[in-house]
Amino acid sequence: MEFRRIPGLPPYVFTIIDSLKLEARRAGRDVIDLGFGNPDLPSPQVAVDKLAEAAQNSRNHRYSASRGIPKLRAAVASRYSKQYGVDLDPDTEVLATIGAKEGFSHLMWVLLQPGDVALVPSPSYPIHIWGPYFAGADARQVAVGPRSGPGWSGGQGPGEEDYVGNVMEAWDYGWPKPRVVVLSFPHNPTTATVELADLQRLVDWARERDVVLVHDFAYADLGFDGWQPPSLLQCEGATECAVELYSMTKSFSMAGWRMAFLLGNARVVGALTKLKSYLDYGTFQPIQIAATVTLNEAADFPGEVSAVYASRRDALCDGLARIGWPVARPRATMFAWAPIPPAYAHLGSIEFAKLLVTQCDVATSPGVGFGKGGDGYVRFALIENEQRISQAVRQIKRGLPDLG
């Protein structure tokens, strides 16, 4: 039997680290897992309570609305109005998706076909590369910004504007001309950020070239030190050429609930709405009801989540700096993007990540798992408390004597 798309997928490199982690734990070792970006914080209590209540009502056990129940779409539109000053029509410019990953993947089916091209970040969250591929299109990787080692700013310095300029250059010199540009700021895995002025440059550029901008805004609410990540939809004219994916996974610590939204250009939202009407009946209705109440009644919860991740960031970055491994302090996301220390740079990201597990009992994600642009780095996920993170730093110091 022949499979047409699966053979093109590379081995999932993260499974290498997962296997070593499992082996170590079976041997009785305490591995601190800072690899998979799976939020450990509990969901808001109001969400849990409302889910339990709604699930008791048998009317909610039927098929739901694929596009999302009206009150849910109104709730996320209201959040955008209050948070970003962006007015969206819940009926034409808002669509509920079964998580951002599902929404993005099926959106690529709508926007691309064989022979088309999308520009995607490098390094990249894997689905940003493979989503266009699943649609039969070509994904051309564009560097997010400079990645020159320990001094790299993580998006807090000169590298902020590079993705915008790199996209424009790739479009000018590429053929066929790309139809879609994928961006995701704050960025996973590099933690790079972008300012509203640069997003406006990209919107102005896209409007002139009939390019669709797709912004995965997964870390919308995880900005630190008083900084708020900008929404692409804040840009003048954005709804003429752009859509944005907003998720409750990180902001509200609701990863397993699979609740996200596509927002923006009405034609694109309508096209995905039509496709999804053939593919699914939407998220389980009690989850949609609980998400509605959460958006309306727990608006401050993302700020509490962000404060937790900021504290963990400080514990990790300060601790690594003390043991001779300087890592840029991100101003957003739930990650730290760490250049492999010079003494170990020859190993590459997979072998170095393996070393962290076998010698230090600390699991990270090898940078090459996010594309060829990520080799030379490992990604730390801030999914343990400060005490466990400090313990991980001590174990790294013991296991890697050549750090400093």
Protein backbone atom coordinates (compact mmCIF):
# COMPACT_ATOMS: atom_id res chain seq x y z
CA MET A 1 0.00 0.00 0.00
CA GLU A 2 1.36 3.42 -0.96
CA PHE A 3 0.95 6.49 1.22
CA ARG A 4 1.18 9.72 -0.75
CA ARG A 5 2.09 12.31 1.89
CA ILE A 6 3.39 10.52 4.98
CA PRO A 7 6.68 9.30 3.41
CA GLY A 8 7.75 12.92 2.96
CA LEU A 9 7.67 13.57 6.70
CA PRO A 10 11.07 13.44 8.40
CA PRO A 11 11.57 11.51 11.65
CA TYR A 12 10.12 13.45 14.57
CA VAL A 13 13.38 14.28 16.35
CA PHE A 14 11.66 15.05 19.65
CA THR A 15 10.91 11.33 20.05
CA ILE A 16 14.63 10.69 20.43
CA ILE A 17 14.72 12.78 23.60
CA ASP A 18 11.41 11.35 24.79
CA SER A 19 12.83 7.81 24.52
CA LEU A 20 15.93 8.72 26.51
CA LYS A 21 13.78 10.46 29.11
CA LEU A 22 11.55 7.42 29.48
CA GLU A 23 14.55 5.11 29.75
CA ALA A 24 16.08 7.26 32.48
CA ARG A 25 12.85 7.37 34.46
CA ARG A 26 12.45 3.61 34.24
CA ALA A 27 15.92 3.40 35.75
CA GLY A 28 14.67 5.45 38.70
CA ARG A 29 16.28 8.77 37.76
CA ASP A 30 14.46 12.05 38.33
CA VAL A 31 14.42 13.71 34.91
CA ILE A 32 13.29 17.32 34.91
CA ASP A 33 11.31 17.76 31.70
CA LEU A 34 11.71 21.20 30.15
CA GLY A 35 11.14 19.92 26.64
CA PHE A 36 7.52 19.70 25.50
CA GLY A 37 5.71 23.05 25.77
CA ASN A 38 2.74 21.58 27.63
CA PRO A 39 1.35 24.09 30.17
CA ASP A 40 1.39 22.72 33.71
CA LEU A 41 -0.80 25.45 35.23
CA PRO A 42 -4.44 24.52 35.88
CA SER A 43 -7.23 25.99 33.78
CA PRO A 44 -9.39 28.69 35.39
CA GLN A 45 -11.77 27.25 37.97
CA VAL A 46 -14.67 29.04 36.33
CA ALA A 47 -13.98 27.06 33.13
CA VAL A 48 -13.92 23.74 34.99
CA ASP A 49 -17.10 24.52 36.91
CA LYS A 50 -18.99 25.66 33.83
CA LEU A 51 -17.84 22.63 31.84
CA ALA A 52 -19.13 20.28 34.54
CA GLU A 53 -22.44 22.13 34.70
CA ALA A 54 -22.92 22.25 30.92
CA ALA A 55 -22.01 18.59 30.51
CA GLN A 56 -24.88 17.63 32.81
CA ASN A 57 -27.35 19.10 30.33
CA SER A 58 -28.15 16.42 27.74
CA ARG A 59 -29.09 19.07 25.16
CA ASN A 60 -25.38 19.89 24.98
CA HIS A 61 -24.52 16.34 23.96
CA ARG A 62 -25.76 16.84 20.41
CA TYR A 63 -23.77 18.06 17.45
CA SER A 64 -22.65 21.64 17.94
CA ALA A 65 -22.01 24.44 15.45
CA SER A 66 -18.84 23.94 13.44
CA ARG A 67 -18.23 27.68 13.30
CA GLY A 68 -18.68 28.07 17.07
CA ILE A 69 -21.76 29.01 19.07
CA PRO A 70 -22.77 32.70 18.67
CA LYS A 71 -22.03 33.73 22.27
CA LEU A 72 -18.51 32.28 22.03
CA ARG A 73 -17.73 34.18 18.85
CA ALA A 74 -19.13 37.34 20.43
CA ALA A 75 -16.97 36.81 23.53
CA VAL A 76 -13.69 36.59 21.64
CA ALA A 77 -14.67 39.58 19.50
CA SER A 78 -15.31 41.50 22.73
CA ARG A 79 -11.87 40.51 24.04
CA TYR A 80 -10.22 41.83 20.89
CA SER A 81 -12.14 45.09 21.21
CA LYS A 82 -11.06 45.61 24.81
CA GLN A 83 -7.49 44.30 24.49
CA TYR A 84 -6.48 45.66 21.08
CA GLY A 85 -9.12 48.18 20.06
CA VAL A 86 -10.03 45.94 17.12
CA ASP A 87 -13.70 45.68 16.16
CA LEU A 88 -14.67 42.35 14.58
CA ASP A 89 -18.01 41.12 13.30
CA PRO A 90 -18.67 37.86 15.19
CA ASP A 91 -20.78 36.56 12.30
CA THR A 92 -18.34 37.12 9.44
CA GLU A 93 -14.88 37.73 10.93
CA VAL A 94 -14.71 35.14 13.73
CA LEU A 95 -14.55 31.34 13.49
CA ALA A 96 -13.97 28.85 16.30
CA THR A 97 -11.42 26.12 15.52
CA ILE A 98 -10.51 22.88 17.29
CA GLY A 99 -7.24 24.33 18.48
CA ALA A 100 -4.90 26.60 16.49
CA LYS A 101 -3.08 23.64 14.97
CA GLU A 102 -6.26 22.30 13.36
CA GLY A 103 -7.27 25.78 12.29
CA PHE A 104 -3.91 26.49 10.68
CA SER A 105 -3.71 23.14 8.89
CA HIS A 106 -7.14 23.41 7.33
CA LEU A 107 -6.56 27.08 6.53
CA MET A 108 -3.63 26.02 4.35
CA TRP A 109 -6.04 23.73 2.45
CA VAL A 110 -8.20 26.79 1.76
CA LEU A 111 -5.40 29.14 0.72
CA LEU A 112 -2.97 26.85 -1.12
CA GLN A 113 -2.95 24.14 -3.75
CA PRO A 114 -0.21 22.20 -5.57
CA GLY A 115 2.18 24.62 -7.26
CA ASP A 116 1.55 27.43 -4.76
CA VAL A 117 4.14 28.79 -2.34
CA ALA A 118 3.99 29.97 1.27
CA LEU A 119 6.75 31.80 3.13
CA VAL A 120 7.23 30.44 6.64
CA PRO A 121 9.60 31.30 9.50
CA SER A 122 12.90 29.51 10.02
CA PRO A 123 13.25 28.08 12.59
CA SER A 124 9.58 27.34 12.97
CA TYR A 125 6.87 25.62 14.94
CA PRO A 126 6.69 22.41 12.86
CA ILE A 127 3.09 22.73 11.62
CA HIS A 128 3.96 26.08 10.04
CA ILE A 129 6.32 24.22 7.71
CA TRP A 130 4.24 21.09 7.20
CA GLY A 131 0.80 22.69 6.93
CA PRO A 132 1.53 24.04 3.43
CA TYR A 133 3.12 20.71 2.54
CA PHE A 134 -0.06 18.83 3.51
CA ALA A 135 -1.94 21.14 1.14
CA GLY A 136 0.41 20.08 -1.65
CA ALA A 137 2.18 23.45 -1.71
CA ASP A 138 5.79 24.49 -1.20
CA ALA A 139 6.93 26.07 2.08
CA ARG A 140 9.96 28.34 1.66
CA GLN A 141 11.70 29.03 4.93
CA VAL A 142 12.67 32.61 5.76
CA ALA A 143 15.01 33.48 8.62
CA VAL A 144 13.33 35.08 11.61
CA GLY A 145 16.39 37.11 12.54
CA PRO A 146 20.07 36.93 13.41
CA ARG A 147 21.06 33.96 15.55
CA SER A 148 24.69 34.62 16.35
CA GLY A 149 25.11 32.95 19.73
CA PRO A 150 24.94 34.04 23.37
CA GLY A 151 24.74 37.71 22.51
CA TRP A 152 21.65 37.30 20.34
CA SER A 153 18.88 39.52 21.62
CA GLY A 154 16.03 37.05 21.33
CA GLY A 155 14.10 39.67 19.44
CA GLN A 156 14.82 42.53 21.83
CA GLY A 157 17.32 44.29 19.59
CA PRO A 158 18.28 44.68 15.93
CA GLY A 159 16.83 41.27 14.97
CA GLU A 160 13.22 42.37 15.48
CA GLU A 161 12.68 43.74 11.98
CA ASP A 162 14.53 41.07 10.06
CA TYR A 163 11.64 38.72 9.35
CA VAL A 164 9.67 41.49 7.70
CA GLY A 165 12.59 42.50 5.50
CA ASN A 166 13.51 38.89 4.78
CA VAL A 167 9.95 38.12 3.68
CA MET A 168 9.95 41.05 1.27
CA GLU A 169 13.28 39.96 -0.22
CA ALA A 170 12.16 36.33 -0.54
CA TRP A 171 9.02 37.43 -2.37
CA ASP A 172 10.97 39.70 -4.74
CA TYR A 173 13.41 36.97 -5.77
CA GLY A 174 11.13 33.93 -5.57
CA TRP A 175 9.14 32.26 -8.33
CA PRO A 176 6.34 31.47 -8.43
CA LYS A 177 5.36 34.40 -6.27
CA PRO A 178 4.28 33.29 -2.79
CA ARG A 179 0.55 33.63 -2.08
CA VAL A 180 0.74 33.28 1.70
CA VAL A 181 3.09 34.59 4.39
CA VAL A 182 3.04 32.84 7.76
CA LEU A 183 4.23 34.71 10.82
CA SER A 184 4.02 34.03 14.53
CA PHE A 185 5.09 36.63 17.08
CA PRO A 186 5.99 36.25 19.88
CA HIS A 187 7.84 33.44 18.18
CA ASN A 188 8.18 29.78 19.07
CA PRO A 189 10.92 28.57 19.37
CA THR A 190 13.21 31.64 19.24
CA THR A 191 11.06 33.93 21.48
CA ALA A 192 11.69 36.75 18.99
CA THR A 193 9.20 39.61 19.11
CA VAL A 194 8.01 42.28 16.71
CA GLU A 195 6.62 45.77 17.12
CA LEU A 196 3.36 47.08 15.69
CA ALA A 197 5.16 49.42 13.28
CA ASP A 198 6.86 46.48 11.60
CA LEU A 199 3.60 44.56 11.34
CA GLN A 200 2.11 47.66 9.69
CA ARG A 201 4.93 47.63 7.11
CA LEU A 202 4.10 44.03 6.33
CA VAL A 203 0.37 44.74 6.00
CA ASP A 204 1.01 47.68 3.67
CA TRP A 205 3.31 45.50 1.58
CA ALA A 206 0.87 42.57 1.45
CA ARG A 207 -2.08 44.75 0.38
CA GLU A 208 -0.14 45.90 -2.68
CA ARG A 209 0.69 42.34 -3.76
CA ASP A 210 -2.48 40.36 -3.04
CA VAL A 211 -0.66 38.30 -0.41
CA VAL A 212 -2.53 36.75 2.51
CA LEU A 213 -0.88 37.13 5.92
CA VAL A 214 -1.54 34.37 8.46
CA HIS A 215 -0.48 35.22 12.02
CA ASP A 216 -0.37 32.46 14.62
CA PHE A 217 -0.81 34.54 17.79
CA ALA A 218 -0.36 31.64 20.22
CA TYR A 219 1.51 33.71 22.84
CA ALA A 220 -0.66 36.80 22.60
CA ASP A 221 -0.92 37.24 26.36
CA LEU A 222 2.52 36.06 27.47
CA GLY A 223 4.44 39.32 27.34
CA PHE A 224 6.75 40.19 30.23
CA ASP A 225 8.00 43.29 32.03
CA GLY A 226 4.97 45.35 31.05
CA TRP A 227 5.23 44.65 27.32
CA GLN A 228 2.09 43.60 25.44
CA PRO A 229 2.53 41.72 22.16
CA PRO A 230 0.73 43.52 19.32
CA SER A 231 -2.02 41.92 17.29
CA LEU A 232 -1.61 41.95 13.51
CA LEU A 233 -5.24 43.05 13.30
CA GLN A 234 -4.36 46.34 15.01
CA CYS A 235 -2.70 47.43 11.78
CA GLU A 236 -4.60 49.75 9.46
CA GLY A 237 -6.03 47.75 6.58
CA ALA A 238 -5.21 44.38 8.16
CA THR A 239 -8.65 42.89 7.64
CA GLU A 240 -8.19 43.43 3.89
CA CYS A 241 -5.33 40.92 3.71
CA ALA A 242 -4.78 39.18 7.03
CA VAL A 243 -6.13 36.65 9.49
CA GLU A 244 -4.96 35.80 12.98
CA LEU A 245 -5.21 32.64 15.07
CA TYR A 246 -5.90 33.32 18.75
CA SER A 247 -5.79 30.40 21.16
CA MET A 248 -6.87 29.83 24.75
CA THR A 249 -4.16 27.16 25.17
CA LYS A 250 -1.40 29.31 26.66
CA SER A 251 -3.31 32.47 27.64
CA PHE A 252 -5.86 30.57 29.73
CA SER A 253 -3.84 27.39 30.30
CA MET A 254 -6.46 25.34 28.46
CA ALA A 255 -4.24 23.17 26.26
CA GLY A 256 -6.36 20.00 26.28
CA TRP A 257 -9.60 21.88 25.66
CA ARG A 258 -8.65 22.62 22.01
CA MET A 259 -10.26 26.04 21.79
CA ALA A 260 -8.97 28.62 19.32
CA PHE A 261 -10.26 31.12 16.78
CA LEU A 262 -9.54 32.42 13.31
CA LEU A 263 -10.13 36.17 13.14
CA GLY A 264 -9.88 38.82 10.46
CA ASN A 265 -10.51 38.92 6.71
CA ALA A 266 -14.13 37.93 6.15
CA ARG A 267 -13.50 36.14 2.84
CA VAL A 268 -10.78 33.94 4.35
CA VAL A 269 -12.82 33.26 7.49
CA GLY A 270 -15.82 32.41 5.31
CA ALA A 271 -13.79 30.05 3.15
CA LEU A 272 -12.49 28.11 6.15
CA THR A 273 -16.00 28.09 7.63
CA LYS A 274 -17.26 26.43 4.46
CA LEU A 275 -14.48 23.82 4.47
CA LYS A 276 -14.98 23.00 8.15
CA SER A 277 -18.69 22.49 7.58
CA TYR A 278 -17.67 19.41 5.58
CA LEU A 279 -15.05 18.23 8.08
CA ASP A 280 -16.36 18.59 11.61
CA TYR A 281 -19.20 19.60 13.91
CA GLY A 282 -17.08 21.79 16.12
CA THR A 283 -15.74 21.38 19.62
CA PHE A 284 -17.92 19.61 22.21
CA GLN A 285 -20.57 22.20 23.11
CA PRO A 286 -19.94 22.20 26.90
CA ILE A 287 -16.34 23.20 26.13
CA GLN A 288 -17.59 26.07 23.97
CA ILE A 289 -19.94 27.19 26.74
CA ALA A 290 -17.16 27.02 29.32
CA ALA A 291 -14.81 28.94 27.02
CA THR A 292 -17.45 31.64 26.57
CA VAL A 293 -17.83 32.12 30.32
CA THR A 294 -14.04 32.09 30.76
CA LEU A 295 -13.49 34.82 28.18
CA ASN A 296 -16.22 36.94 29.78
CA GLU A 297 -15.50 36.32 33.47
CA ALA A 298 -11.79 35.47 33.73
CA ALA A 299 -10.31 38.26 31.63
CA ASP A 300 -7.47 38.80 34.13
CA PHE A 301 -6.38 35.18 34.18
CA PRO A 302 -3.83 35.55 31.33
CA GLY A 303 -2.03 38.20 33.35
CA GLU A 304 -1.66 35.78 36.25
CA VAL A 305 -0.32 33.12 33.90
CA SER A 306 2.16 35.54 32.37
CA ALA A 307 3.50 36.53 35.79
CA VAL A 308 4.20 32.87 36.60
CA TYR A 309 6.14 32.35 33.38
CA ALA A 310 8.10 35.57 33.90
CA SER A 311 9.23 34.34 37.31
CA ARG A 312 10.28 30.99 35.84
CA ARG A 313 12.13 32.79 33.05
CA ASP A 314 14.15 34.70 35.64
CA ALA A 315 14.94 31.52 37.57
CA LEU A 316 16.22 29.81 34.42
CA CYS A 317 18.13 32.65 32.79
CA ASP A 318 19.69 33.92 36.01
CA GLY A 319 20.63 30.40 37.01
CA LEU A 320 22.21 29.52 33.66
CA ALA A 321 24.14 32.80 33.64
CA ARG A 322 25.63 31.96 37.05
CA ILE A 323 26.99 28.64 35.79
CA GLY A 324 28.54 30.13 32.66
CA TRP A 325 25.78 29.58 30.09
CA PRO A 326 24.40 33.01 29.11
CA VAL A 327 20.94 32.79 27.55
CA ALA A 328 18.99 35.79 26.29
CA ARG A 329 16.15 36.77 28.60
CA PRO A 330 12.97 36.55 26.49
CA ARG A 331 10.35 39.23 26.84
CA ALA A 332 7.55 36.89 25.79
CA THR A 333 6.42 33.25 25.35
CA MET A 334 6.92 30.32 27.76
CA PHE A 335 10.33 29.36 26.37
CA ALA A 336 14.00 30.22 26.38
CA TRP A 337 16.07 29.71 23.21
CA ALA A 338 19.54 28.69 24.31
CA PRO A 339 22.62 28.62 22.06
CA ILE A 340 24.69 25.49 22.60
CA PRO A 341 27.73 26.48 24.73
CA PRO A 342 30.97 26.78 22.71
CA ALA A 343 32.58 23.72 24.29
CA TYR A 344 29.69 21.57 23.03
CA ALA A 345 28.79 23.38 19.80
CA HIS A 346 30.38 20.66 17.65
CA LEU A 347 27.74 18.18 18.83
CA GLY A 348 24.74 19.81 17.16
CA SER A 349 21.38 20.18 18.85
CA ILE A 350 20.29 16.51 18.89
CA GLU A 351 23.48 15.16 20.44
CA PHE A 352 23.66 18.04 22.90
CA ALA A 353 20.04 17.52 23.96
CA LYS A 354 20.80 13.81 24.40
CA LEU A 355 23.77 14.76 26.59
CA LEU A 356 21.54 16.95 28.78
CA VAL A 357 19.29 13.95 29.41
CA THR A 358 21.97 11.32 29.94
CA GLN A 359 24.46 13.44 31.91
CA CYS A 360 22.20 15.96 33.63
CA ASP A 361 18.73 14.38 33.79
CA VAL A 362 17.28 17.48 32.10
CA ALA A 363 15.11 17.21 28.98
CA THR A 364 15.01 20.00 26.37
CA SER A 365 13.93 20.23 22.74
CA PRO A 366 16.73 20.07 20.13
CA GLY A 367 16.64 23.14 17.92
CA VAL A 368 16.87 21.20 14.67
CA GLY A 369 13.42 19.80 15.42
CA PHE A 370 12.13 23.25 14.44
CA GLY A 371 13.86 23.15 11.06
CA LYS A 372 17.41 23.46 9.82
CA GLY A 373 17.56 27.06 11.04
CA GLY A 374 17.32 25.83 14.62
CA ASP A 375 20.38 23.63 14.81
CA GLY A 376 22.91 25.00 17.25
CA TYR A 377 20.22 25.68 19.87
CA VAL A 378 18.04 23.90 22.39
CA ARG A 379 14.70 25.16 23.64
CA PHE A 380 13.78 25.22 27.31
CA ALA A 381 10.04 25.18 28.13
CA LEU A 382 9.11 26.95 31.36
CA ILE A 383 6.78 24.18 32.51
CA GLU A 384 8.21 23.50 35.97
CA ASN A 385 8.18 25.70 39.05
CA GLU A 386 11.14 27.84 40.10
CA GLN A 387 12.46 25.24 42.53
CA ARG A 388 12.55 22.51 39.89
CA ILE A 389 14.11 24.89 37.39
CA SER A 390 16.83 25.79 39.88
CA GLN A 391 17.39 22.09 40.48
CA ALA A 392 17.75 21.59 36.72
CA VAL A 393 20.40 24.30 36.60
CA ARG A 394 22.36 22.61 39.39
CA GLN A 395 22.17 19.29 37.55
CA ILE A 396 23.43 20.93 34.35
CA LYS A 397 26.36 22.42 36.23
CA ARG A 398 27.29 19.01 37.66
CA GLY A 399 26.84 17.16 34.37
CA LEU A 400 28.54 19.61 32.02
CA PRO A 401 31.82 20.70 33.62
CA ASP A 402 33.04 22.58 30.54
CA LEU A 403 30.24 25.18 30.45
CA GLY A 404 32.12 28.20 31.75
